[in-house]
PDB file of N, CA and C in Angstrom:
ATOM      1  N   UNK A   1      16.662  69.822  57.831  1.00  0.00           N
ATOM      2  CA  UNK A   1      17.749  69.322  57.009  1.00  0.00           C
ATOM      3  C   UNK A   1      17.252  69.223  55.565  1.00  0.00           C
ATOM      4  N   UNK A   2      18.011  69.758  54.613  1.00  0.00           N
ATOM      5  CA  UNK A   2      17.582  69.699  53.217  1.00  0.00           C
ATOM      6  C   UNK A   2      17.617  68.267  52.687  1.00  0.00           C
ATOM      7  N   UNK A   3      16.727  67.983  51.749  1.00  0.00           N
ATOM      8  CA  UNK A   3      16.700  66.662  51.116  1.00  0.00           C
ATOM      9  C   UNK A   3      17.855  66.563  50.134  1.00  0.00           C
ATOM     10  N   UNK A   4      18.494  65.425  50.123  1.00  0.00           N
ATOM     11  CA  UNK A   4      19.586  65.182  49.176  1.00  0.00           C
ATOM     12  C   UNK A   4      19.068  64.206  48.139  1.00  0.00           C
ATOM     13  N   UNK A   5      19.150  64.607  46.908  1.00  0.00           N
ATOM     14  CA  UNK A   5      18.645  63.773  45.832  1.00  0.00           C
ATOM     15  C   UNK A   5      19.802  63.138  45.072  1.00  0.00           C
ATOM     16  N   UNK A   6      19.624  61.894  44.727  1.00  0.00           N
ATOM     17  CA  UNK A   6      20.584  61.127  43.951  1.00  0.00           C
ATOM     18  C   UNK A   6      20.024  61.141  42.533  1.00  0.00           C
ATOM     19  N   UNK A   7      20.553  62.035  41.671  1.00  0.00           N
ATOM     20  CA  UNK A   7      19.874  62.307  40.413  1.00  0.00           C
ATOM     21  C   UNK A   7      20.627  61.930  39.144  1.00  0.00           C
ATOM     22  N   UNK A   8      21.682  61.172  39.201  1.00  0.00           N
ATOM     23  CA  UNK A   8      22.345  60.723  37.977  1.00  0.00           C
ATOM     24  C   UNK A   8      21.663  59.431  37.537  1.00  0.00           C
ATOM     25  N   UNK A   9      20.803  59.496  36.529  1.00  0.00           N
ATOM     26  CA  UNK A   9      19.922  58.367  36.203  1.00  0.00           C
ATOM     27  C   UNK A   9      20.615  57.020  35.997  1.00  0.00           C
ATOM     28  N   UNK A  10      21.692  56.965  35.243  1.00  0.00           N
ATOM     29  CA  UNK A  10      22.340  55.672  34.976  1.00  0.00           C
ATOM     30  C   UNK A  10      22.900  55.058  36.253  1.00  0.00           C
ATOM     31  N   UNK A  11      23.594  55.851  37.029  1.00  0.00           N
ATOM     32  CA  UNK A  11      24.158  55.361  38.280  1.00  0.00           C
ATOM     33  C   UNK A  11      23.042  54.978  39.238  1.00  0.00           C
ATOM     34  N   UNK A  12      22.041  55.831  39.325  1.00  0.00           N
ATOM     35  CA  UNK A  12      20.916  55.563  40.214  1.00  0.00           C
ATOM     36  C   UNK A  12      20.236  54.246  39.848  1.00  0.00           C
ATOM     37  N   UNK A  13      19.968  54.051  38.568  1.00  0.00           N
ATOM     38  CA  UNK A  13      19.301  52.821  38.128  1.00  0.00           C
ATOM     39  C   UNK A  13      20.153  51.591  38.446  1.00  0.00           C
ATOM     40  N   UNK A  14      21.457  51.694  38.246  1.00  0.00           N
ATOM     41  CA  UNK A  14      22.348  50.563  38.539  1.00  0.00           C
ATOM     42  C   UNK A  14      22.326  50.224  40.026  1.00  0.00           C
ATOM     43  N   UNK A  15      22.403  51.246  40.866  1.00  0.00           N
ATOM     44  CA  UNK A  15      22.385  51.031  42.316  1.00  0.00           C
ATOM     45  C   UNK A  15      21.040  50.440  42.735  1.00  0.00           C
ATOM     46  N   UNK A  16      19.958  50.990  42.229  1.00  0.00           N
ATOM     47  CA  UNK A  16      18.634  50.505  42.598  1.00  0.00           C
ATOM     48  C   UNK A  16      18.429  49.059  42.149  1.00  0.00           C
ATOM     49  N   UNK A  17      18.909  48.709  40.949  1.00  0.00           N
ATOM     50  CA  UNK A  17      18.811  47.311  40.479  1.00  0.00           C
ATOM     51  C   UNK A  17      19.553  46.367  41.428  1.00  0.00           C
ATOM     52  N   UNK A  18      20.730  46.777  41.879  1.00  0.00           N
ATOM     53  CA  UNK A  18      21.494  45.935  42.804  1.00  0.00           C
ATOM     54  C   UNK A  18      20.752  45.758  44.126  1.00  0.00           C
ATOM     55  N   UNK A  19      20.142  46.825  44.602  1.00  0.00           N
ATOM     56  CA  UNK A  19      19.373  46.750  45.846  1.00  0.00           C
ATOM     57  C   UNK A  19      18.175  45.818  45.670  1.00  0.00           C
ATOM     58  N   UNK A  20      17.442  45.991  44.586  1.00  0.00           N
ATOM     59  CA  UNK A  20      16.259  45.152  44.343  1.00  0.00           C
ATOM     60  C   UNK A  20      16.646  43.681  44.181  1.00  0.00           C
ATOM     61  N   UNK A  21      17.754  43.418  43.512  1.00  0.00           N
ATOM     62  CA  UNK A  21      18.213  42.039  43.341  1.00  0.00           C
ATOM     63  C   UNK A  21      18.594  41.423  44.689  1.00  0.00           C
ATOM     64  N   UNK A  22      19.332  42.172  45.511  1.00  0.00           N
ATOM     65  CA  UNK A  22      19.724  41.666  46.829  1.00  0.00           C
ATOM     66  C   UNK A  22      18.491  41.409  47.691  1.00  0.00           C
ATOM     67  N   UNK A  23      17.514  42.298  47.621  1.00  0.00           N
ATOM     68  CA  UNK A  23      16.282  42.107  48.388  1.00  0.00           C
ATOM     69  C   UNK A  23      15.559  40.847  47.923  1.00  0.00           C
ATOM     70  N   UNK A  24      15.443  40.676  46.613  1.00  0.00           N
ATOM     71  CA  UNK A  24      14.762  39.500  46.066  1.00  0.00           C
ATOM     72  C   UNK A  24      15.463  38.213  46.507  1.00  0.00           C
ATOM     73  N   UNK A  25      16.787  38.234  46.543  1.00  0.00           N
ATOM     74  CA  UNK A  25      17.544  37.061  46.986  1.00  0.00           C
ATOM     75  C   UNK A  25      17.276  36.734  48.454  1.00  0.00           C
ATOM     76  N   UNK A  26      16.851  37.735  49.218  1.00  0.00           N
ATOM     77  CA  UNK A  26      16.495  37.528  50.624  1.00  0.00           C
ATOM     78  C   UNK A  26      15.002  37.261  50.800  1.00  0.00           C
ATOM     79  N   UNK A  27      14.280  37.156  49.679  1.00  0.00           N
ATOM     80  CA  UNK A  27      12.850  36.889  49.741  1.00  0.00           C
ATOM     81  C   UNK A  27      11.996  38.098  50.069  1.00  0.00           C
ATOM     82  N   UNK A  28      12.530  39.292  49.816  1.00  0.00           N
ATOM     83  CA  UNK A  28      11.811  40.530  50.109  1.00  0.00           C
ATOM     84  C   UNK A  28      11.340  41.127  48.793  1.00  0.00           C
ATOM     85  N   UNK A  29      10.017  41.254  48.635  1.00  0.00           N
ATOM     86  CA  UNK A  29       9.519  41.866  47.404  1.00  0.00           C
ATOM     87  C   UNK A  29       9.607  43.386  47.512  1.00  0.00           C
ATOM     88  N   UNK A  30       9.341  44.063  46.405  1.00  0.00           N
ATOM     89  CA  UNK A  30       9.531  45.515  46.347  1.00  0.00           C
ATOM     90  C   UNK A  30       8.641  46.264  47.333  1.00  0.00           C
ATOM     91  N   UNK A  31       7.404  45.831  47.489  1.00  0.00           N
ATOM     92  CA  UNK A  31       6.503  46.503  48.431  1.00  0.00           C
ATOM     93  C   UNK A  31       7.016  46.388  49.858  1.00  0.00           C
ATOM     94  N   UNK A  32       7.421  45.190  50.229  1.00  0.00           N
ATOM     95  CA  UNK A  32       7.940  44.971  51.584  1.00  0.00           C
ATOM     96  C   UNK A  32       9.242  45.739  51.798  1.00  0.00           C
ATOM     97  N   UNK A  33      10.086  45.771  50.790  1.00  0.00           N
ATOM     98  CA  UNK A  33      11.339  46.519  50.868  1.00  0.00           C
ATOM     99  C   UNK A  33      11.067  47.990  51.177  1.00  0.00           C
ATOM    100  N   UNK A  34      10.156  48.574  50.416  1.00  0.00           N
ATOM    101  CA  UNK A  34       9.815  49.982  50.623  1.00  0.00           C
ATOM    102  C   UNK A  34       9.274  50.205  52.034  1.00  0.00           C
ATOM    103  N   UNK A  35       8.331  49.358  52.455  1.00  0.00           N
ATOM    104  CA  UNK A  35       7.731  49.526  53.774  1.00  0.00           C
ATOM    105  C   UNK A  35       8.765  49.394  54.891  1.00  0.00           C
ATOM    106  N   UNK A  36       9.643  48.406  54.790  1.00  0.00           N
ATOM    107  CA  UNK A  36      10.675  48.223  55.818  1.00  0.00           C
ATOM    108  C   UNK A  36      11.648  49.397  55.866  1.00  0.00           C
ATOM    109  N   UNK A  37      11.814  50.080  54.724  1.00  0.00           N
ATOM    110  CA  UNK A  37      12.713  51.239  54.665  1.00  0.00           C
ATOM    111  C   UNK A  37      11.997  52.526  55.074  1.00  0.00           C
ATOM    112  N   UNK A  38      10.710  52.421  55.392  1.00  0.00           N
ATOM    113  CA  UNK A  38       9.965  53.581  55.843  1.00  0.00           C
ATOM    114  C   UNK A  38       9.349  54.405  54.735  1.00  0.00           C
ATOM    115  N   UNK A  39       9.086  53.777  53.595  1.00  0.00           N
ATOM    116  CA  UNK A  39       8.518  54.492  52.449  1.00  0.00           C
ATOM    117  C   UNK A  39       7.299  53.743  51.926  1.00  0.00           C
ATOM    118  N   UNK A  40       6.476  54.442  51.203  1.00  0.00           N
ATOM    119  CA  UNK A  40       5.340  53.809  50.538  1.00  0.00           C
ATOM    120  C   UNK A  40       5.839  53.065  49.302  1.00  0.00           C
ATOM    121  N   UNK A  41       5.237  51.940  48.979  1.00  0.00           N
ATOM    122  CA  UNK A  41       5.622  51.227  47.758  1.00  0.00           C
ATOM    123  C   UNK A  41       5.559  52.116  46.514  1.00  0.00           C
ATOM    124  N   UNK A  42       4.624  53.052  46.490  1.00  0.00           N
ATOM    125  CA  UNK A  42       4.503  53.966  45.354  1.00  0.00           C
ATOM    126  C   UNK A  42       5.748  54.842  45.204  1.00  0.00           C
ATOM    127  N   UNK A  43       6.370  55.166  46.322  1.00  0.00           N
ATOM    128  CA  UNK A  43       7.586  55.982  46.281  1.00  0.00           C
ATOM    129  C   UNK A  43       8.702  55.217  45.567  1.00  0.00           C
ATOM    130  N   UNK A  44       8.855  53.955  45.899  1.00  0.00           N
ATOM    131  CA  UNK A  44       9.866  53.131  45.235  1.00  0.00           C
ATOM    132  C   UNK A  44       9.546  53.001  43.750  1.00  0.00           C
ATOM    133  N   UNK A  45       8.295  52.827  43.425  1.00  0.00           N
ATOM    134  CA  UNK A  45       7.893  52.737  42.019  1.00  0.00           C
ATOM    135  C   UNK A  45       8.248  54.016  41.264  1.00  0.00           C
ATOM    136  N   UNK A  46       7.982  55.168  41.867  1.00  0.00           N
ATOM    137  CA  UNK A  46       8.331  56.443  41.221  1.00  0.00           C
ATOM    138  C   UNK A  46       9.839  56.582  41.060  1.00  0.00           C
ATOM    139  N   UNK A  47      10.604  56.143  42.044  1.00  0.00           N
ATOM    140  CA  UNK A  47      12.061  56.215  41.947  1.00  0.00           C
ATOM    141  C   UNK A  47      12.549  55.393  40.755  1.00  0.00           C
ATOM    142  N   UNK A  48      11.983  54.206  40.578  1.00  0.00           N
ATOM    143  CA  UNK A  48      12.376  53.351  39.461  1.00  0.00           C
ATOM    144  C   UNK A  48      12.040  54.014  38.128  1.00  0.00           C
ATOM    145  N   UNK A  49      10.865  54.613  38.052  1.00  0.00           N
ATOM    146  CA  UNK A  49      10.408  55.236  36.809  1.00  0.00           C
ATOM    147  C   UNK A  49      11.198  56.492  36.476  1.00  0.00           C
ATOM    148  N   UNK A  50      11.431  57.325  37.464  1.00  0.00           N
ATOM    149  CA  UNK A  50      12.081  58.623  37.240  1.00  0.00           C
ATOM    150  C   UNK A  50      13.595  58.546  37.163  1.00  0.00           C
ATOM    151  N   UNK A  51      14.177  57.516  37.769  1.00  0.00           N
ATOM    152  CA  UNK A  51      15.632  57.410  37.745  1.00  0.00           C
ATOM    153  C   UNK A  51      16.327  58.335  38.716  1.00  0.00           C
ATOM    154  N   UNK A  52      15.612  58.738  39.768  1.00  0.00           N
ATOM    155  CA  UNK A  52      16.243  59.525  40.827  1.00  0.00           C
ATOM    156  C   UNK A  52      15.459  59.322  42.112  1.00  0.00           C
ATOM    157  N   UNK A  53      16.055  59.770  43.204  1.00  0.00           N
ATOM    158  CA  UNK A  53      15.386  59.623  44.489  1.00  0.00           C
ATOM    159  C   UNK A  53      16.209  60.173  45.619  1.00  0.00           C
ATOM    160  N   UNK A  54      15.626  60.153  46.775  1.00  0.00           N
ATOM    161  CA  UNK A  54      16.255  60.664  47.986  1.00  0.00           C
ATOM    162  C   UNK A  54      17.397  59.736  48.424  1.00  0.00           C
ATOM    163  N   UNK A  55      18.571  60.312  48.647  1.00  0.00           N
ATOM    164  CA  UNK A  55      19.737  59.509  49.007  1.00  0.00           C
ATOM    165  C   UNK A  55      19.532  58.764  50.330  1.00  0.00           C
ATOM    166  N   UNK A  56      18.882  59.407  51.282  1.00  0.00           N
ATOM    167  CA  UNK A  56      18.615  58.751  52.564  1.00  0.00           C
ATOM    168  C   UNK A  56      17.756  57.509  52.390  1.00  0.00           C
ATOM    169  N   UNK A  57      16.754  57.599  51.534  1.00  0.00           N
ATOM    170  CA  UNK A  57      15.895  56.441  51.278  1.00  0.00           C
ATOM    171  C   UNK A  57      16.665  55.344  50.561  1.00  0.00           C
ATOM    172  N   UNK A  58      17.494  55.707  49.603  1.00  0.00           N
ATOM    173  CA  UNK A  58      18.314  54.700  48.907  1.00  0.00           C
ATOM    174  C   UNK A  58      19.196  53.967  49.919  1.00  0.00           C
ATOM    175  N   UNK A  59      19.756  54.698  50.849  1.00  0.00           N
ATOM    176  CA  UNK A  59      20.597  54.097  51.883  1.00  0.00           C
ATOM    177  C   UNK A  59      19.792  53.135  52.754  1.00  0.00           C
ATOM    178  N   UNK A  60      18.585  53.532  53.144  1.00  0.00           N
ATOM    179  CA  UNK A  60      17.732  52.652  53.962  1.00  0.00           C
ATOM    180  C   UNK A  60      17.294  51.419  53.184  1.00  0.00           C
ATOM    181  N   UNK A  61      16.972  51.586  51.902  1.00  0.00           N
ATOM    182  CA  UNK A  61      16.615  50.434  51.073  1.00  0.00           C
ATOM    183  C   UNK A  61      17.780  49.444  51.021  1.00  0.00           C
ATOM    184  N   UNK A  62      18.974  49.969  50.830  1.00  0.00           N
ATOM    185  CA  UNK A  62      20.162  49.111  50.782  1.00  0.00           C
ATOM    186  C   UNK A  62      20.336  48.357  52.102  1.00  0.00           C
ATOM    187  N   UNK A  63      20.163  49.037  53.215  1.00  0.00           N
ATOM    188  CA  UNK A  63      20.314  48.387  54.518  1.00  0.00           C
ATOM    189  C   UNK A  63      19.315  47.253  54.690  1.00  0.00           C
ATOM    190  N   UNK A  64      18.072  47.488  54.302  1.00  0.00           N
ATOM    191  CA  UNK A  64      17.048  46.445  54.402  1.00  0.00           C
ATOM    192  C   UNK A  64      17.432  45.245  53.541  1.00  0.00           C
ATOM    193  N   UNK A  65      18.039  45.497  52.392  1.00  0.00           N
ATOM    194  CA  UNK A  65      18.446  44.434  51.474  1.00  0.00           C
ATOM    195  C   UNK A  65      19.760  43.772  51.882  1.00  0.00           C
ATOM    196  N   UNK A  66      20.355  44.230  52.978  1.00  0.00           N
ATOM    197  CA  UNK A  66      21.611  43.639  53.433  1.00  0.00           C
ATOM    198  C   UNK A  66      22.843  44.225  52.774  1.00  0.00           C
ATOM    199  N   UNK A  67      22.710  45.421  52.237  1.00  0.00           N
ATOM    200  CA  UNK A  67      23.821  46.091  51.566  1.00  0.00           C
ATOM    201  C   UNK A  67      24.142  47.397  52.267  1.00  0.00           C
ATOM    202  N   UNK A  68      25.250  47.990  51.880  1.00  0.00           N
ATOM    203  CA  UNK A  68      25.556  49.346  52.323  1.00  0.00           C
ATOM    204  C   UNK A  68      26.088  50.114  51.132  1.00  0.00           C
ATOM    205  N   UNK A  69      25.854  51.406  51.153  1.00  0.00           N
ATOM    206  CA  UNK A  69      26.317  52.275  50.084  1.00  0.00           C
ATOM    207  C   UNK A  69      27.745  52.690  50.415  1.00  0.00           C
ATOM    208  N   UNK A  70      28.643  52.564  49.439  1.00  0.00           N
ATOM    209  CA  UNK A  70      30.043  52.927  49.656  1.00  0.00           C
ATOM    210  C   UNK A  70      30.592  53.614  48.412  1.00  0.00           C
ATOM    211  N   UNK A  71      31.484  54.537  48.620  1.00  0.00           N
ATOM    212  CA  UNK A  71      32.183  55.183  47.509  1.00  0.00           C
ATOM    213  C   UNK A  71      33.468  54.398  47.252  1.00  0.00           C
ATOM    214  N   UNK A  72      33.727  54.130  45.992  1.00  0.00           N
ATOM    215  CA  UNK A  72      34.931  53.397  45.609  1.00  0.00           C
ATOM    216  C   UNK A  72      35.668  54.192  44.549  1.00  0.00           C
ATOM    217  N   UNK A  73      36.954  53.971  44.414  1.00  0.00           N
ATOM    218  CA  UNK A  73      37.708  54.699  43.385  1.00  0.00           C
ATOM    219  C   UNK A  73      37.133  54.431  42.001  1.00  0.00           C
ATOM    220  N   UNK A  74      37.112  55.455  41.183  1.00  0.00           N
ATOM    221  CA  UNK A  74      36.624  55.342  39.814  1.00  0.00           C
ATOM    222  C   UNK A  74      37.792  54.913  38.942  1.00  0.00           C
ATOM    223  N   UNK A  75      37.941  53.616  38.787  1.00  0.00           N
ATOM    224  CA  UNK A  75      39.080  53.074  38.070  1.00  0.00           C
ATOM    225  C   UNK A  75      38.625  51.936  37.165  1.00  0.00           C
ATOM    226  N   UNK A  76      39.004  52.003  35.894  1.00  0.00           N
ATOM    227  CA  UNK A  76      38.650  50.939  34.966  1.00  0.00           C
ATOM    228  C   UNK A  76      39.251  49.607  35.397  1.00  0.00           C
ATOM    229  N   UNK A  77      40.483  49.633  35.900  1.00  0.00           N
ATOM    230  CA  UNK A  77      41.133  48.395  36.321  1.00  0.00           C
ATOM    231  C   UNK A  77      40.400  47.786  37.513  1.00  0.00           C
ATOM    232  N   UNK A  78      39.986  48.612  38.465  1.00  0.00           N
ATOM    233  CA  UNK A  78      39.256  48.119  39.625  1.00  0.00           C
ATOM    234  C   UNK A  78      37.928  47.506  39.198  1.00  0.00           C
ATOM    235  N   UNK A  79      37.214  48.171  38.310  1.00  0.00           N
ATOM    236  CA  UNK A  79      35.938  47.642  37.835  1.00  0.00           C
ATOM    237  C   UNK A  79      36.133  46.318  37.113  1.00  0.00           C
ATOM    238  N   UNK A  80      37.175  46.201  36.294  1.00  0.00           N
ATOM    239  CA  UNK A  80      37.452  44.941  35.594  1.00  0.00           C
ATOM    240  C   UNK A  80      37.757  43.832  36.585  1.00  0.00           C
ATOM    241  N   UNK A  81      38.524  44.144  37.602  1.00  0.00           N
ATOM    242  CA  UNK A  81      38.868  43.159  38.622  1.00  0.00           C
ATOM    243  C   UNK A  81      37.617  42.709  39.365  1.00  0.00           C
ATOM    244  N   UNK A  82      36.739  43.628  39.713  1.00  0.00           N
ATOM    245  CA  UNK A  82      35.512  43.294  40.432  1.00  0.00           C
ATOM    246  C   UNK A  82      34.580  42.431  39.580  1.00  0.00           C
ATOM    247  N   UNK A  83      34.580  42.635  38.286  1.00  0.00           N
ATOM    248  CA  UNK A  83      33.756  41.829  37.380  1.00  0.00           C
ATOM    249  C   UNK A  83      34.397  40.482  37.102  1.00  0.00           C
ATOM    250  N   UNK A  84      35.660  40.324  37.440  1.00  0.00           N
ATOM    251  CA  UNK A  84      36.366  39.091  37.144  1.00  0.00           C
ATOM    252  C   UNK A  84      36.943  39.057  35.757  1.00  0.00           C
ATOM    253  N   UNK A  85      37.026  40.220  35.086  1.00  0.00           N
ATOM    254  CA  UNK A  85      37.514  40.298  33.715  1.00  0.00           C
ATOM    255  C   UNK A  85      38.995  40.687  33.632  1.00  0.00           C
ATOM    256  N   UNK A  86      39.656  40.794  34.746  1.00  0.00           N
ATOM    257  CA  UNK A  86      41.002  41.348  34.762  1.00  0.00           C
ATOM    258  C   UNK A  86      42.049  40.413  34.181  1.00  0.00           C
ATOM    259  N   UNK A  87      41.884  39.126  34.420  1.00  0.00           N
ATOM    260  CA  UNK A  87      42.911  38.174  33.988  1.00  0.00           C
ATOM    261  C   UNK A  87      42.493  37.421  32.768  1.00  0.00           C
TER     262      UNK A  87
END
């Protein structure tokens, strides 16, 4: 199976920050997060530095952090509502 890379740096960084924050809130540091997701801590470090990474690994990191990856409509109104800025 070919590797799928998540390579849009801004989106990738935002998703990774959310995963790392959720993990930290659960008391999981970055090294433990990587290991529980089946990766070396160095791999997670490279992903943070490069701004891209394997989509399967991002999904596993999210699962360990108690999150799931989901596609949502690209809508300014939806984003404002989710931030609480709508009203």
